[in-house]
Amino acid sequence: MSNRFDAEDIRKLRECNSLKHSKMSHKEILDDIRQGAESFMSEFSRCVADKQAVYDARKKK
């Protein structure tokens, strides 16, 4: 993965997931996607909270 997370990175992720999912049942694929989404949303929420804290600190000044 690059630091920019560009179209090439997305292509690599899709290719990796396609290979991984080709050996899984439909239920396993859905469980894998849900688990990945939960991990992403947790990280995303933490990032948003950090940004909000910075915004709030600037607003108080």
C-alpha atoms as a PDB file:
ATOM      1  CA  MET A   1       0.000   0.000   0.000  1.00  0.00           C
ATOM      2  CA  SER A   2       1.163   3.489  -0.729  1.00  0.00           C
ATOM      3  CA  ASN A   3       0.720   6.446   1.588  1.00  0.00           C
ATOM      4  CA  ARG A   4      -1.546   8.084  -0.993  1.00  0.00           C
ATOM      5  CA  PHE A   5      -4.002   5.148  -1.196  1.00  0.00           C
ATOM      6  CA  ASP A   6      -4.612   5.577  -4.899  1.00  0.00           C
ATOM      7  CA  ALA A   7      -6.380   3.556  -7.603  1.00  0.00           C
ATOM      8  CA  GLU A   8      -3.497   1.071  -7.775  1.00  0.00           C
ATOM      9  CA  ASP A   9      -3.849   0.333  -4.058  1.00  0.00           C
ATOM     10  CA  ILE A  10      -7.577  -0.234  -4.484  1.00  0.00           C
ATOM     11  CA  ARG A  11      -6.874  -2.611  -7.382  1.00  0.00           C
ATOM     12  CA  LYS A  12      -4.413  -4.567  -5.217  1.00  0.00           C
ATOM     13  CA  LEU A  13      -6.918  -4.822  -2.366  1.00  0.00           C
ATOM     14  CA  ARG A  14      -9.668  -6.019  -4.678  1.00  0.00           C
ATOM     15  CA  GLU A  15      -7.366  -8.617  -6.225  1.00  0.00           C
ATOM     16  CA  CYS A  16      -6.267  -9.865  -2.793  1.00  0.00           C
ATOM     17  CA  ASN A  17      -9.863 -10.076  -1.536  1.00  0.00           C
ATOM     18  CA  SER A  18     -10.972 -11.833  -4.707  1.00  0.00           C
ATOM     19  CA  LEU A  19      -8.344 -14.545  -4.241  1.00  0.00           C
ATOM     20  CA  LYS A  20      -9.131 -14.900  -0.545  1.00  0.00           C
ATOM     21  CA  HIS A  21     -12.901 -14.984  -1.084  1.00  0.00           C
ATOM     22  CA  SER A  22     -12.708 -17.510  -3.945  1.00  0.00           C
ATOM     23  CA  LYS A  23     -12.042 -20.208  -1.330  1.00  0.00           C
ATOM     24  CA  MET A  24     -14.821 -19.143   1.070  1.00  0.00           C
ATOM     25  CA  SER A  25     -18.526 -19.809   1.403  1.00  0.00           C
ATOM     26  CA  HIS A  26     -21.010 -16.944   1.023  1.00  0.00           C
ATOM     27  CA  LYS A  27     -21.430 -16.776   4.810  1.00  0.00           C
ATOM     28  CA  GLU A  28     -17.666 -16.665   5.358  1.00  0.00           C
ATOM     29  CA  ILE A  29     -17.328 -13.862   2.788  1.00  0.00           C
ATOM     30  CA  LEU A  30     -20.050 -11.794   4.468  1.00  0.00           C
ATOM     31  CA  ASP A  31     -18.527 -12.392   7.908  1.00  0.00           C
ATOM     32  CA  ASP A  32     -15.108 -11.328   6.583  1.00  0.00           C
ATOM     33  CA  ILE A  33     -16.542  -8.165   5.039  1.00  0.00           C
ATOM     34  CA  ARG A  34     -18.431  -7.290   8.230  1.00  0.00           C
ATOM     35  CA  GLN A  35     -15.327  -7.808  10.326  1.00  0.00           C
ATOM     36  CA  GLY A  36     -13.320  -5.565   7.999  1.00  0.00           C
ATOM     37  CA  ALA A  37     -16.056  -2.921   8.055  1.00  0.00           C
ATOM     38  CA  GLU A  38     -16.135  -2.950  11.860  1.00  0.00           C
ATOM     39  CA  SER A  39     -12.371  -2.503  11.999  1.00  0.00           C
ATOM     40  CA  PHE A  40     -12.506   0.325   9.447  1.00  0.00           C
ATOM     41  CA  MET A  41     -15.360   2.115  11.218  1.00  0.00           C
ATOM     42  CA  SER A  42     -13.550   1.868  14.550  1.00  0.00           C
ATOM     43  CA  GLU A  43     -10.433   3.478  13.088  1.00  0.00           C
ATOM     44  CA  PHE A  44     -12.507   6.040  11.172  1.00  0.00           C
ATOM     45  CA  SER A  45     -14.445   7.000  14.317  1.00  0.00           C
ATOM     46  CA  ARG A  46     -11.205   7.457  16.245  1.00  0.00           C
ATOM     47  CA  CYS A  47      -9.859   9.700  13.467  1.00  0.00           C
ATOM     48  CA  VAL A  48     -13.055  11.789  13.413  1.00  0.00           C
ATOM     49  CA  ALA A  49     -12.959  12.147  17.207  1.00  0.00           C
ATOM     50  CA  ASP A  50      -9.337  13.347  17.014  1.00  0.00           C
ATOM     51  CA  LYS A  51     -10.219  15.886  14.328  1.00  0.00           C
ATOM     52  CA  GLN A  52     -13.225  17.061  16.351  1.00  0.00           C
ATOM     53  CA  ALA A  53     -11.034  17.568  19.428  1.00  0.00           C
ATOM     54  CA  VAL A  54      -8.619  19.721  17.406  1.00  0.00           C
ATOM     55  CA  TYR A  55     -11.530  21.712  15.949  1.00  0.00           C
ATOM     56  CA  ASP A  56     -13.067  22.247  19.394  1.00  0.00           C
ATOM     57  CA  ALA A  57      -9.722  23.342  20.864  1.00  0.00           C
ATOM     58  CA  ARG A  58      -9.267  25.919  18.096  1.00  0.00           C
ATOM     59  CA  LYS A  59     -12.827  27.151  18.520  1.00  0.00           C
ATOM     60  CA  LYS A  60     -12.256  27.862  22.249  1.00  0.00           C
ATOM     61  CA  LYS A  61      -9.317  30.192  21.523  1.00  0.00           C
END
